[in-house]
Amino acid sequence: MKQNSNQSNHINETESFDGTKIMNAILIILFISLLLFGNKDISGLTNAP
């Protein structure tokens, strides 16, 4: 019984970890995109003069 319970917990942890990992990846990609757009604007203003 104890072993079966541990297996179920492990499966649930794995699924939760995968979901969190995907969400973090999406947030990181969006955050980097914003940084890249911001850096592009700054670079354009800096390179203009």
N, C-alpha and C. Protein backbone atom coordinates (compact mmCIF):
# COMPACT_ATOMS: atom_id res chain seq x y z
N MET A 1 0.84 -1.20 0.00
CA MET A 1 0.00 0.00 0.00
C MET A 1 0.88 1.26 0.00
N LYS A 2 1.88 1.25 0.90
CA LYS A 2 2.75 2.42 0.99
C LYS A 2 3.49 2.62 -0.34
N GLN A 3 3.95 1.51 -0.94
CA GLN A 3 4.70 1.61 -2.20
C GLN A 3 3.80 2.17 -3.30
N ASN A 4 2.56 1.68 -3.38
CA ASN A 4 1.63 2.15 -4.40
C ASN A 4 1.37 3.64 -4.23
N SER A 5 1.23 4.08 -2.98
CA SER A 5 0.97 5.49 -2.71
C SER A 5 2.15 6.33 -3.19
N ASN A 6 3.36 5.86 -2.95
CA ASN A 6 4.55 6.59 -3.37
C ASN A 6 4.59 6.72 -4.89
N GLN A 7 4.22 5.66 -5.59
CA GLN A 7 4.24 5.71 -7.06
C GLN A 7 3.25 6.76 -7.56
N SER A 8 2.07 6.80 -6.98
CA SER A 8 1.06 7.78 -7.40
C SER A 8 1.58 9.20 -7.17
N ASN A 9 2.19 9.42 -6.01
CA ASN A 9 2.73 10.74 -5.70
C ASN A 9 3.81 11.12 -6.70
N HIS A 10 4.65 10.16 -7.04
CA HIS A 10 5.74 10.44 -7.99
C HIS A 10 5.17 10.85 -9.35
N ILE A 11 4.13 10.15 -9.81
CA ILE A 11 3.53 10.47 -11.11
C ILE A 11 2.93 11.88 -11.06
N ASN A 12 2.22 12.19 -9.98
CA ASN A 12 1.62 13.52 -9.85
C ASN A 12 2.69 14.60 -9.83
N GLU A 13 3.78 14.36 -9.12
CA GLU A 13 4.87 15.35 -9.06
C GLU A 13 5.45 15.57 -10.45
N THR A 14 5.62 14.48 -11.20
CA THR A 14 6.21 14.59 -12.54
C THR A 14 5.30 15.43 -13.44
N GLU A 15 4.00 15.16 -13.41
CA GLU A 15 3.07 15.92 -14.26
C GLU A 15 3.07 17.39 -13.86
N SER A 16 3.05 17.67 -12.57
CA SER A 16 3.05 19.05 -12.10
C SER A 16 4.34 19.74 -12.53
N PHE A 17 5.47 19.03 -12.41
CA PHE A 17 6.76 19.61 -12.77
C PHE A 17 6.78 19.95 -14.26
N ASP A 18 6.29 19.04 -15.10
CA ASP A 18 6.28 19.29 -16.55
C ASP A 18 5.42 20.51 -16.85
N GLY A 19 4.26 20.60 -16.25
CA GLY A 19 3.36 21.73 -16.50
C GLY A 19 4.01 23.04 -16.07
N THR A 20 4.65 23.03 -14.91
CA THR A 20 5.32 24.24 -14.42
C THR A 20 6.46 24.61 -15.35
N LYS A 21 7.18 23.59 -15.82
CA LYS A 21 8.33 23.85 -16.71
C LYS A 21 7.85 24.51 -18.00
N ILE A 22 6.74 24.02 -18.56
CA ILE A 22 6.22 24.59 -19.81
C ILE A 22 5.77 26.04 -19.57
N MET A 23 5.06 26.27 -18.46
CA MET A 23 4.60 27.63 -18.16
C MET A 23 5.79 28.58 -17.99
N ASN A 24 6.82 28.11 -17.27
CA ASN A 24 8.01 28.95 -17.07
C ASN A 24 8.67 29.25 -18.40
N ALA A 25 8.74 28.26 -19.29
CA ALA A 25 9.39 28.45 -20.59
C ALA A 25 8.63 29.53 -21.38
N ILE A 26 7.30 29.46 -21.37
CA ILE A 26 6.49 30.45 -22.11
C ILE A 26 6.72 31.85 -21.53
N LEU A 27 6.70 31.95 -20.20
CA LEU A 27 6.90 33.26 -19.57
C LEU A 27 8.29 33.80 -19.88
N ILE A 28 9.30 32.93 -19.85
CA ILE A 28 10.67 33.36 -20.13
C ILE A 28 10.78 33.85 -21.58
N ILE A 29 10.15 33.12 -22.52
CA ILE A 29 10.21 33.51 -23.94
C ILE A 29 9.55 34.88 -24.12
N LEU A 30 8.39 35.08 -23.50
CA LEU A 30 7.71 36.38 -23.61
C LEU A 30 8.57 37.48 -23.00
N PHE A 31 9.17 37.20 -21.84
CA PHE A 31 10.00 38.20 -21.16
C PHE A 31 11.21 38.56 -22.01
N ILE A 32 11.86 37.55 -22.60
CA ILE A 32 13.04 37.80 -23.45
C ILE A 32 12.61 38.61 -24.68
N SER A 33 11.44 38.29 -25.24
CA SER A 33 10.96 39.03 -26.42
C SER A 33 10.81 40.51 -26.07
N LEU A 34 10.24 40.79 -24.90
CA LEU A 34 10.08 42.19 -24.48
C LEU A 34 11.44 42.85 -24.32
N LEU A 35 12.40 42.12 -23.74
CA LEU A 35 13.75 42.68 -23.56
C LEU A 35 14.39 42.96 -24.91
N LEU A 36 14.21 42.03 -25.86
CA LEU A 36 14.81 42.21 -27.19
C LEU A 36 14.20 43.43 -27.88
N PHE A 37 12.87 43.59 -27.79
CA PHE A 37 12.24 44.76 -28.42
C PHE A 37 12.76 46.03 -27.76
N GLY A 38 12.88 46.03 -26.43
CA GLY A 38 13.38 47.19 -25.71
C GLY A 38 14.81 47.50 -26.12
N ASN A 39 15.65 46.46 -26.21
CA ASN A 39 17.05 46.67 -26.60
C ASN A 39 17.14 47.19 -28.03
N LYS A 40 16.26 46.69 -28.91
CA LYS A 40 16.27 47.15 -30.32
C LYS A 40 15.97 48.64 -30.36
N ASP A 41 14.95 49.07 -29.63
CA ASP A 41 14.60 50.50 -29.61
C ASP A 41 15.78 51.33 -29.09
N ILE A 42 16.39 50.87 -28.00
CA ILE A 42 17.53 51.59 -27.41
C ILE A 42 18.69 51.62 -28.41
N SER A 43 18.96 50.48 -29.04
CA SER A 43 20.07 50.41 -30.01
C SER A 43 19.80 51.37 -31.18
N GLY A 44 18.55 51.40 -31.66
CA GLY A 44 18.21 52.29 -32.78
C GLY A 44 18.45 53.74 -32.40
N LEU A 45 18.03 54.14 -31.21
CA LEU A 45 18.23 55.53 -30.77
C LEU A 45 19.72 55.82 -30.59
N THR A 46 20.45 54.82 -30.08
CA THR A 46 21.89 55.02 -29.83
C THR A 46 22.65 55.09 -31.15
N ASN A 47 22.28 54.25 -32.11
CA ASN A 47 23.00 54.22 -33.39
C ASN A 47 22.61 55.38 -34.30
N ALA A 48 21.44 55.97 -34.10
CA ALA A 48 20.98 57.07 -34.96
C ALA A 48 21.99 58.23 -34.97
N PRO A 49 22.42 58.73 -33.83
CA PRO A 49 23.40 59.83 -33.82
C PRO A 49 24.80 59.31 -34.13
